[in-house]
N, C-alpha and C. Protein backbone atom coordinates (compact mmCIF):
# COMPACT_ATOMS: atom_id res chain seq x y z
N UNK A 1 0.92 -1.37 0.30
CA UNK A 1 0.25 0.20 -0.03
C UNK A 1 0.91 1.10 0.23
N UNK A 2 1.12 2.11 -1.42
CA UNK A 2 1.81 3.25 -1.02
C UNK A 2 0.55 4.67 -0.71
N UNK A 3 1.41 5.50 0.14
CA UNK A 3 0.58 6.63 0.58
C UNK A 3 0.55 7.61 -0.02
N UNK A 4 -0.29 8.30 -0.22
CA UNK A 4 -0.75 9.11 -1.32
C UNK A 4 0.35 10.18 -1.36
N UNK A 5 0.63 10.93 -3.30
CA UNK A 5 1.36 11.20 -3.46
C UNK A 5 2.28 12.50 -2.38
N UNK A 6 1.28 13.28 -1.72
CA UNK A 6 1.36 14.39 -0.74
C UNK A 6 1.76 13.36 0.61
N UNK A 7 1.11 12.64 0.95
CA UNK A 7 1.79 11.58 2.05
C UNK A 7 3.25 11.37 1.69
N UNK A 8 3.42 10.97 0.75
CA UNK A 8 5.09 10.55 0.65
C UNK A 8 6.03 11.21 0.60
N UNK A 9 5.34 13.03 0.51
CA UNK A 9 6.42 14.07 1.00
C UNK A 9 6.30 14.30 2.64
N UNK A 10 5.21 13.77 2.99
CA UNK A 10 5.38 13.70 4.38
C UNK A 10 6.79 12.40 5.32
N UNK A 11 6.38 11.49 4.52
CA UNK A 11 7.16 10.51 4.70
C UNK A 11 8.78 10.82 4.57
N UNK A 12 9.30 11.33 3.25
CA UNK A 12 10.05 11.84 3.04
C UNK A 12 11.18 13.01 4.27
N UNK A 13 10.33 13.94 4.38
CA UNK A 13 10.50 14.98 5.20
C UNK A 13 10.99 13.92 6.42
N UNK A 14 10.24 13.40 7.22
CA UNK A 14 10.35 12.68 7.98
C UNK A 14 11.78 11.90 8.44
N UNK A 15 11.59 11.18 7.71
CA UNK A 15 13.14 10.28 7.35
C UNK A 15 13.79 10.99 7.19
N UNK A 16 13.68 12.30 6.50
CA UNK A 16 15.18 13.38 6.45
C UNK A 16 15.83 13.66 7.60
N UNK A 17 14.76 14.33 8.30
CA UNK A 17 14.46 15.28 9.79
C UNK A 17 15.47 14.00 10.49
N UNK A 18 14.89 12.73 10.62
CA UNK A 18 15.15 12.04 11.97
C UNK A 18 16.24 11.24 11.29
N UNK A 19 16.55 11.07 10.39
CA UNK A 19 17.56 9.84 9.93
C UNK A 19 18.71 10.95 9.50
N UNK A 20 18.59 11.99 9.02
CA UNK A 20 20.03 13.03 8.71
C UNK A 20 20.03 14.43 9.30
N UNK A 21 19.33 14.97 9.36
CA UNK A 21 19.37 16.62 10.62
C UNK A 21 19.32 16.52 11.81
N UNK A 22 18.87 15.57 12.17
CA UNK A 22 18.69 15.67 13.93
C UNK A 22 20.06 14.92 14.07
N UNK A 23 20.65 13.48 13.61
CA UNK A 23 21.86 13.43 13.56
C UNK A 23 23.30 14.16 13.47
N UNK A 24 22.47 15.08 12.33
CA UNK A 24 23.70 15.75 12.16
C UNK A 24 23.74 16.87 12.70
N UNK A 25 22.97 17.93 13.29
CA UNK A 25 22.89 18.72 14.28
C UNK A 25 23.42 18.55 15.72
N UNK A 26 22.91 17.13 16.29
CA UNK A 26 23.23 16.51 17.30
C UNK A 26 24.68 16.44 17.49
N UNK A 27 25.83 15.86 16.27
CA UNK A 27 26.91 15.61 16.28
C UNK A 27 27.70 16.94 15.97
N UNK A 28 27.03 18.53 15.60
CA UNK A 28 27.85 19.86 15.51
C UNK A 28 27.57 19.90 16.96
N UNK A 29 26.38 19.65 17.71
CA UNK A 29 26.32 20.12 18.83
C UNK A 29 27.46 19.55 19.59
N UNK A 30 27.34 18.17 19.94
CA UNK A 30 28.54 17.83 20.47
C UNK A 30 30.00 18.44 20.13
N UNK A 31 30.47 18.48 19.04
CA UNK A 31 31.74 19.16 18.47
C UNK A 31 31.66 20.62 19.64
N UNK A 32 30.44 21.54 19.05
CA UNK A 32 30.67 22.71 19.77
C UNK A 32 30.68 22.77 21.05
N UNK A 33 30.02 21.90 21.95
CA UNK A 33 30.27 21.59 23.66
C UNK A 33 31.67 20.93 24.06
N UNK A 34 32.28 20.06 22.53
CA UNK A 34 34.10 20.04 23.36
C UNK A 34 33.61 18.05 23.21
N UNK A 35 32.56 17.70 23.37
CA UNK A 35 32.40 16.45 23.56
C UNK A 35 33.09 15.41 22.71
N UNK A 36 33.01 15.82 21.29
CA UNK A 36 33.99 15.10 20.49
C UNK A 36 34.89 16.50 19.63
N UNK A 37 36.18 15.75 19.25
CA UNK A 37 37.04 17.10 18.85
C UNK A 37 37.06 16.83 17.56
N UNK A 38 36.05 16.12 16.36
CA UNK A 38 36.36 16.40 14.74
C UNK A 38 34.99 15.71 14.80
N UNK A 39 34.88 16.36 13.68
CA UNK A 39 32.74 15.78 12.89
C UNK A 39 33.46 14.59 11.87
N UNK A 40 34.75 14.27 12.11
CA UNK A 40 34.88 13.03 10.86
C UNK A 40 34.77 11.94 12.07
N UNK A 41 34.82 12.03 13.47
CA UNK A 41 34.52 10.98 14.03
C UNK A 41 35.47 9.59 14.06
N UNK A 42 37.02 9.81 13.41
CA UNK A 42 37.57 8.91 13.24
C UNK A 42 38.42 8.05 14.39
N UNK A 43 38.42 8.49 15.38
CA UNK A 43 38.99 7.72 16.71
C UNK A 43 37.29 6.86 17.19
N UNK A 44 37.79 5.78 17.08
CA UNK A 44 37.02 4.89 18.00
C UNK A 44 36.20 5.55 19.16
N UNK A 45 37.16 5.91 20.03
CA UNK A 45 36.70 6.61 21.14
C UNK A 45 35.49 7.77 20.76
N UNK A 46 35.42 8.39 20.01
CA UNK A 46 34.75 9.64 19.53
C UNK A 46 33.38 9.23 19.17
N UNK A 47 33.17 8.01 18.13
CA UNK A 47 31.78 7.36 17.26
C UNK A 47 30.44 7.19 19.00
N UNK A 48 30.90 6.79 19.95
CA UNK A 48 29.65 6.81 20.78
C UNK A 48 28.77 7.28 21.18
N UNK A 49 29.02 8.56 21.63
CA UNK A 49 27.63 9.30 21.82
C UNK A 49 27.02 10.29 20.39
N UNK A 50 27.95 10.12 18.98
CA UNK A 50 27.03 10.27 18.03
C UNK A 50 25.91 9.43 17.88
N UNK A 51 26.80 8.33 17.82
CA UNK A 51 25.81 6.83 17.36
C UNK A 51 24.84 6.67 18.14
N UNK A 52 24.58 6.93 19.66
CA UNK A 52 23.66 6.66 20.23
C UNK A 52 22.73 7.72 19.90
N UNK A 53 23.00 8.97 19.68
CA UNK A 53 21.77 10.32 19.38
C UNK A 53 21.42 9.71 18.39
N UNK A 54 21.98 9.04 17.02
CA UNK A 54 21.54 8.50 15.93
C UNK A 54 20.83 7.66 15.89
N UNK A 55 21.09 6.54 16.89
CA UNK A 55 20.23 5.42 16.88
C UNK A 55 18.54 5.62 17.68
N UNK A 56 18.81 6.78 18.55
CA UNK A 56 17.83 7.40 19.35
C UNK A 56 16.90 7.81 18.32
N UNK A 57 17.30 8.80 17.36
CA UNK A 57 16.81 9.66 16.36
C UNK A 57 15.92 8.71 15.72
N UNK A 58 16.63 7.60 14.84
CA UNK A 58 16.36 6.34 13.86
C UNK A 58 15.15 5.59 14.60
N UNK A 59 15.06 5.77 16.34
CA UNK A 59 14.02 5.09 16.64
C UNK A 59 12.66 5.89 16.78
N UNK A 60 13.23 7.06 17.24
CA UNK A 60 11.61 8.13 17.16
C UNK A 60 11.13 7.98 15.68
N UNK A 61 11.85 8.16 14.48
CA UNK A 61 11.27 8.17 13.47
C UNK A 61 10.60 6.37 13.12
N UNK A 62 11.13 5.66 13.76
CA UNK A 62 10.27 4.46 13.72
C UNK A 62 8.66 4.85 14.41
N UNK A 63 8.99 5.17 15.31
CA UNK A 63 7.62 5.67 16.02
C UNK A 63 6.95 6.02 15.13
N UNK A 64 7.01 7.44 15.01
CA UNK A 64 6.22 7.96 14.42
C UNK A 64 5.37 8.27 12.84
N UNK A 65 6.78 6.88 12.50
CA UNK A 65 6.25 6.15 11.16
C UNK A 65 4.90 4.98 11.13
N UNK A 66 5.43 4.46 12.62
CA UNK A 66 4.46 2.69 12.54
C UNK A 66 2.82 3.72 12.73
N UNK A 67 2.38 3.61 11.62
CA UNK A 67 1.12 3.87 11.55
C UNK A 67 0.29 3.25 10.46
N UNK A 68 0.12 1.54 10.99
CA UNK A 68 -0.52 0.93 10.01
C UNK A 68 -1.45 1.28 9.10
N UNK A 69 -2.37 2.12 9.43
CA UNK A 69 -3.71 2.62 8.82
C UNK A 69 -2.97 3.43 7.76
N UNK A 70 -2.04 4.16 7.61
CA UNK A 70 -1.55 5.05 6.93
C UNK A 70 -0.50 4.44 5.86
N UNK A 71 0.40 4.10 6.81
CA UNK A 71 1.76 3.43 5.76
C UNK A 71 1.48 2.03 5.77
N UNK A 72 2.52 1.75 4.89
CA UNK A 72 2.57 -0.05 4.61
C UNK A 72 3.67 -0.48 5.70
N UNK A 73 3.42 -1.43 6.12
CA UNK A 73 4.30 -1.98 7.23
C UNK A 73 5.46 -2.37 6.84
N UNK A 74 5.56 -2.33 5.71
CA UNK A 74 7.33 -2.64 5.20
C UNK A 74 8.26 -1.89 6.21
N UNK A 75 7.42 -0.28 5.53
CA UNK A 75 8.19 1.07 6.04
C UNK A 75 8.55 1.36 7.49
N UNK A 76 7.81 0.82 8.69
CA UNK A 76 8.14 0.74 9.89
C UNK A 76 8.84 -0.72 10.12
N UNK A 77 9.06 -1.47 9.27
CA UNK A 77 10.36 -2.64 9.94
C UNK A 77 11.38 -2.11 8.88
N UNK A 78 11.48 -1.67 7.88
CA UNK A 78 12.93 -1.02 7.11
C UNK A 78 13.51 -0.10 8.39
N UNK A 79 12.86 0.86 8.66
CA UNK A 79 13.15 1.42 10.20
C UNK A 79 13.59 1.09 11.25
N UNK A 80 12.28 -0.24 11.51
CA UNK A 80 13.19 -0.60 12.89
C UNK A 80 14.84 -1.79 12.48
N UNK A 81 14.53 -2.04 11.32
CA UNK A 81 15.94 -2.33 10.54
C UNK A 81 17.22 -1.26 10.77
N UNK A 82 16.98 -0.35 10.48
CA UNK A 82 17.56 0.79 10.68
C UNK A 82 18.21 1.15 11.84
N UNK A 83 17.67 1.11 13.06
CA UNK A 83 17.63 1.70 14.37
C UNK A 83 18.21 0.08 14.97
N UNK A 84 17.90 -0.72 14.27
CA UNK A 84 18.68 -2.06 14.99
C UNK A 84 20.33 -1.72 14.74
N UNK A 85 20.09 -1.66 13.10
CA UNK A 85 21.58 -1.61 12.96
C UNK A 85 22.36 -0.14 13.28
N UNK A 86 21.86 0.72 13.66
CA UNK A 86 22.83 1.76 14.07
C UNK A 86 22.92 1.82 15.89
N UNK A 87 21.90 0.99 16.35
CA UNK A 87 22.65 0.81 17.89
C UNK A 87 23.43 0.14 17.71
N UNK A 88 23.33 -1.38 17.32
CA UNK A 88 24.32 -2.64 16.97
C UNK A 88 26.07 -2.00 16.85
N UNK A 89 25.86 -0.99 16.05
CA UNK A 89 26.82 -0.42 15.30
C UNK A 89 27.29 0.70 16.44
N UNK A 90 26.49 1.34 17.72
CA UNK A 90 26.71 1.78 19.12
C UNK A 90 27.53 1.01 19.54
N UNK A 91 26.73 -0.58 19.99
CA UNK A 91 27.57 -1.07 21.07
C UNK A 91 28.67 -1.56 20.50
N UNK A 92 28.64 -1.90 19.41
CA UNK A 92 30.32 -2.58 19.03
C UNK A 92 31.01 -1.38 19.09
N UNK A 93 30.56 -0.47 18.68
CA UNK A 93 31.67 0.75 18.67
C UNK A 93 32.30 1.01 20.07
N UNK A 94 31.91 0.93 21.16
CA UNK A 94 32.59 0.89 22.83
C UNK A 94 33.82 0.50 22.45
N UNK A 95 33.80 -0.90 22.34
CA UNK A 95 35.13 -2.00 22.12
C UNK A 95 35.78 -2.21 20.86
N UNK A 96 35.22 -1.45 19.43
CA UNK A 96 36.22 -1.68 18.29
C UNK A 96 34.97 -0.94 17.12
N UNK A 97 36.04 -0.67 15.95
CA UNK A 97 35.29 0.29 15.33
C UNK A 97 35.08 -0.24 14.01
N UNK A 98 34.02 -0.95 13.68
CA UNK A 98 33.12 -1.20 12.82
C UNK A 98 32.59 -0.18 12.03
N UNK A 99 32.98 -0.48 10.47
CA UNK A 99 32.00 0.23 9.62
C UNK A 99 31.05 0.68 9.72
N UNK A 100 30.54 1.95 10.15
CA UNK A 100 28.97 2.31 10.11
C UNK A 100 28.56 2.46 8.43
N UNK A 101 29.64 3.12 7.70
CA UNK A 101 29.70 3.08 6.57
C UNK A 101 29.18 1.70 5.55
N UNK A 102 29.85 0.43 5.95
CA UNK A 102 29.48 -0.75 5.35
C UNK A 102 28.09 -1.24 6.18
N UNK A 103 28.02 -1.42 7.61
CA UNK A 103 26.64 -1.66 8.01
C UNK A 103 25.68 -1.32 7.16
N UNK A 104 25.82 0.53 6.70
CA UNK A 104 24.46 0.79 6.17
C UNK A 104 24.44 0.01 4.35
N UNK A 105 25.81 -0.04 3.92
CA UNK A 105 25.85 -0.51 2.57
C UNK A 105 25.24 -1.93 2.91
N UNK A 106 25.68 -2.78 3.88
CA UNK A 106 25.37 -3.76 3.89
C UNK A 106 23.67 -3.81 3.90
N UNK A 107 23.13 -3.29 4.99
CA UNK A 107 21.46 -3.27 5.13
C UNK A 107 21.20 -2.87 3.80
N UNK A 108 21.45 -1.89 2.43
CA UNK A 108 20.78 -1.88 1.65
C UNK A 108 20.83 -2.91 0.40
N UNK A 109 22.13 -3.80 0.22
CA UNK A 109 22.24 -4.62 -0.27
C UNK A 109 21.69 -5.84 -0.08
N UNK A 110 21.86 -5.88 1.80
CA UNK A 110 20.84 -7.47 1.95
C UNK A 110 19.60 -7.01 1.60
N UNK A 111 18.54 -5.99 1.75
CA UNK A 111 17.18 -5.82 1.80
C UNK A 111 16.97 -6.16 -0.33
N UNK A 112 17.85 -5.39 -0.91
CA UNK A 112 17.37 -5.77 -2.39
C UNK A 112 17.63 -6.99 -2.52
N UNK A 113 19.08 -7.73 -1.92
CA UNK A 113 18.71 -9.23 -2.45
C UNK A 113 17.82 -10.02 -1.67
N UNK A 114 17.35 -9.45 -0.67
CA UNK A 114 16.03 -10.30 -0.19
C UNK A 114 15.21 -9.78 -1.49
N UNK A 115 14.66 -8.86 -1.86
CA UNK A 115 13.88 -8.29 -2.47
C UNK A 115 14.15 -9.34 -3.92
N UNK A 116 15.17 -9.46 -4.57
CA UNK A 116 15.20 -10.19 -5.55
C UNK A 116 14.82 -11.60 -5.20
N UNK A 117 15.07 -12.18 -4.12
CA UNK A 117 15.21 -13.71 -3.73
C UNK A 117 13.63 -14.10 -3.89
N UNK A 118 12.71 -13.12 -3.41
CA UNK A 118 11.39 -13.42 -3.09
C UNK A 118 10.59 -13.20 -4.29
N UNK A 119 11.00 -12.38 -5.21
CA UNK A 119 10.42 -12.27 -6.36
C UNK A 119 11.41 -11.50 -7.23
N UNK A 120 12.49 -12.61 -8.26
CA UNK A 120 13.11 -12.30 -9.46
C UNK A 120 12.52 -11.44 -10.69
N UNK A 121 13.48 -10.49 -10.79
CA UNK A 121 12.95 -9.76 -11.71
C UNK A 121 14.17 -9.24 -12.28
N UNK A 122 14.50 -9.09 -13.69
CA UNK A 122 15.41 -7.97 -13.99
C UNK A 122 15.64 -6.75 -13.51
N UNK A 123 14.63 -6.05 -12.98
CA UNK A 123 14.98 -5.06 -12.15
C UNK A 123 15.25 -5.20 -10.93
N UNK A 124 15.17 -5.73 -10.07
CA UNK A 124 15.95 -6.27 -9.44
C UNK A 124 17.11 -6.58 -9.23
N UNK A 125 17.18 -7.52 -10.13
CA UNK A 125 18.42 -8.38 -10.71
C UNK A 125 19.71 -6.44 -11.06
N UNK A 126 19.25 -5.79 -11.60
CA UNK A 126 19.94 -4.58 -12.08
C UNK A 126 20.44 -3.56 -10.97
N UNK A 127 19.28 -4.00 -9.91
CA UNK A 127 19.50 -2.81 -8.92
C UNK A 127 20.15 -3.77 -8.08
N UNK A 128 20.23 -4.89 -7.78
CA UNK A 128 21.06 -5.94 -6.91
C UNK A 128 22.77 -5.37 -7.48
N UNK A 129 22.82 -6.03 -8.83
CA UNK A 129 24.07 -5.43 -9.18
C UNK A 129 24.74 -4.60 -8.96
N UNK A 130 23.90 -3.15 -9.07
CA UNK A 130 24.04 -1.85 -9.15
C UNK A 130 24.80 -1.40 -7.32
N UNK A 131 23.57 -2.32 -6.61
CA UNK A 131 24.47 -2.16 -5.08
C UNK A 131 25.65 -2.56 -4.81
N UNK A 132 26.07 -3.73 -5.50
CA UNK A 132 26.95 -4.90 -5.26
C UNK A 132 28.09 -3.68 -5.94
N UNK A 133 28.42 -3.30 -7.14
CA UNK A 133 29.17 -2.07 -7.21
C UNK A 133 29.35 -1.20 -6.46
N UNK A 134 28.26 -0.29 -5.92
CA UNK A 134 28.25 0.78 -4.66
C UNK A 134 29.00 0.22 -3.68
N UNK A 135 28.32 -0.67 -3.23
CA UNK A 135 28.92 -1.29 -1.92
C UNK A 135 30.52 -1.41 -1.81
N UNK A 136 30.88 -2.12 -3.31
CA UNK A 136 32.46 -2.18 -2.97
C UNK A 136 33.44 -0.81 -3.39
N UNK A 137 32.32 0.06 -3.80
CA UNK A 137 33.14 1.15 -4.19
C UNK A 137 33.15 2.09 -2.87
N UNK A 138 32.18 1.70 -1.88
CA UNK A 138 32.40 2.40 -0.12
C UNK A 138 33.32 1.97 0.42
N UNK A 139 33.44 0.65 0.11
CA UNK A 139 34.10 -0.15 0.97
C UNK A 139 35.72 0.00 0.74
N UNK A 140 36.03 0.31 -0.72
CA UNK A 140 37.43 0.30 -0.90
C UNK A 140 37.47 1.61 -0.93
N UNK A 141 36.43 2.75 -0.67
CA UNK A 141 36.89 3.97 -0.43
C UNK A 141 37.19 4.22 0.94
N UNK A 142 36.67 3.52 1.88
CA UNK A 142 36.61 3.74 3.21
C UNK A 142 38.56 3.20 3.66
N UNK A 143 38.95 2.14 3.12
CA UNK A 143 40.05 1.72 3.01
C UNK A 143 40.98 2.27 2.26
N UNK A 144 40.69 3.11 1.44
CA UNK A 144 41.81 4.14 1.11
C UNK A 144 42.08 5.07 1.50
N UNK A 145 40.61 5.34 2.04
CA UNK A 145 40.94 7.03 2.91
C UNK A 145 42.17 6.45 4.30
N UNK A 146 42.05 4.85 4.68
CA UNK A 146 42.78 4.67 5.83
C UNK A 146 41.77 4.71 7.02
N UNK A 147 40.52 4.76 6.61
CA UNK A 147 39.43 5.30 7.75
C UNK A 147 39.17 3.90 8.85
N UNK A 148 39.27 2.35 7.61
CA UNK A 148 39.21 1.47 8.87
C UNK A 148 39.93 0.39 8.14
N UNK A 149 40.10 -0.68 8.58
CA UNK A 149 40.95 -2.23 8.52
C UNK A 149 39.81 -2.65 7.92
N UNK A 150 40.44 -3.76 6.71
CA UNK A 150 39.51 -4.39 6.13
C UNK A 150 38.72 -5.29 7.16
N UNK A 151 39.00 -5.74 8.03
CA UNK A 151 37.89 -6.33 8.98
C UNK A 151 37.17 -5.91 9.47
N UNK A 152 37.36 -4.60 9.95
CA UNK A 152 36.37 -3.30 9.90
C UNK A 152 35.33 -3.30 9.17
N UNK A 153 35.43 -2.87 7.66
CA UNK A 153 35.11 -2.68 6.44
C UNK A 153 34.11 -3.87 6.49
N UNK A 154 34.94 -5.20 6.19
CA UNK A 154 33.99 -6.78 6.05
C UNK A 154 32.70 -6.59 6.76
N UNK A 155 33.16 -6.38 8.25
CA UNK A 155 32.47 -7.01 9.69
C UNK A 155 31.01 -5.75 9.82
N UNK A 156 31.21 -4.80 9.00
CA UNK A 156 30.48 -3.78 8.79
C UNK A 156 29.40 -4.08 7.47
N UNK A 157 29.60 -4.76 6.67
CA UNK A 157 28.70 -4.71 5.64
C UNK A 157 28.39 -6.74 5.63
N UNK A 158 28.89 -6.75 6.52
CA UNK A 158 28.14 -8.59 7.36
C UNK A 158 27.27 -8.13 8.26
N UNK A 159 27.46 -7.20 9.08
CA UNK A 159 26.20 -6.85 10.15
C UNK A 159 25.20 -6.16 9.22
N UNK A 160 25.27 -5.45 8.32
CA UNK A 160 23.74 -4.69 7.70
C UNK A 160 23.58 -5.92 6.78
N UNK A 161 24.10 -7.22 5.91
CA UNK A 161 23.18 -8.02 5.34
C UNK A 161 22.60 -9.24 6.81
N UNK A 162 23.43 -9.05 7.67
CA UNK A 162 22.89 -9.94 8.37
C UNK A 162 21.72 -9.58 9.34
N UNK A 163 21.65 -8.80 9.52
CA UNK A 163 20.45 -8.07 10.22
C UNK A 163 19.17 -8.21 9.22
N UNK A 164 19.72 -7.57 8.01
CA UNK A 164 18.31 -7.88 7.28
C UNK A 164 18.01 -9.43 6.96
N UNK A 165 18.53 -10.08 6.76
CA UNK A 165 18.04 -11.64 6.88
C UNK A 165 17.45 -12.10 8.09
N UNK A 166 18.27 -11.62 9.09
CA UNK A 166 17.98 -12.24 10.46
C UNK A 166 16.28 -11.35 10.87
N UNK A 167 15.87 -10.02 10.67
CA UNK A 167 14.91 -9.35 11.13
C UNK A 167 13.73 -9.86 9.84
N UNK A 168 13.84 -10.46 8.34
CA UNK A 168 13.64 -11.00 7.76
C UNK A 168 12.75 -12.39 8.00
N UNK A 169 13.82 -13.19 8.31
CA UNK A 169 13.18 -14.68 8.88
C UNK A 169 12.67 -14.42 10.35
N UNK A 170 12.91 -13.50 11.43
CA UNK A 170 11.90 -13.09 12.56
C UNK A 170 10.48 -12.91 11.80
N UNK A 171 10.29 -11.38 10.57
CA UNK A 171 8.82 -11.70 10.58
C UNK A 171 8.43 -12.58 9.87
N UNK A 172 9.16 -13.32 9.19
CA UNK A 172 8.74 -14.27 8.49
C UNK A 172 7.46 -15.39 9.41
N UNK A 173 8.68 -15.88 10.39
CA UNK A 173 8.11 -16.90 11.55
C UNK A 173 7.14 -16.10 12.14
N UNK A 174 6.70 -14.81 12.43
CA UNK A 174 5.93 -14.37 13.22
C UNK A 174 4.71 -14.08 12.45
N UNK A 175 4.58 -14.10 11.29
CA UNK A 175 3.44 -14.34 10.49
C UNK A 175 3.00 -15.38 10.09
């Protein structure tokens, strides 16, 4: 069930505000008040507060968009998965610098792979191929910038893919 075109802009505005704008402004405020020493968050010790703030913000978006009478259930399920991904990235970052970029790309790749496996078509196949290229490019860039080790990058990608499939199996078993 797709929302009306006017409601799609509302969904986009909510997702933008809660998954980009608020976490960005929050990280900027943490920098302004001296809780992080760089907006790049290169050091593992700098990542927990911004990630916790992002997880909270993603969770708020999930709650706002959980309106089964208005929006498709898939929207709240995707937001739940994104919230879980950010929260797990936060927890792991307390001890180890997993690639958050890898987690995001893994989630997107896993979701497209799931769509392809449940309803294969040429459209999803090309989207999947494009996402593999994009994920590879992002991981390569993170390594080239010396932002992560290969283990951190691959662990992030694996966490994202694993979360999508784990949540999908859980939803399938509960339905």
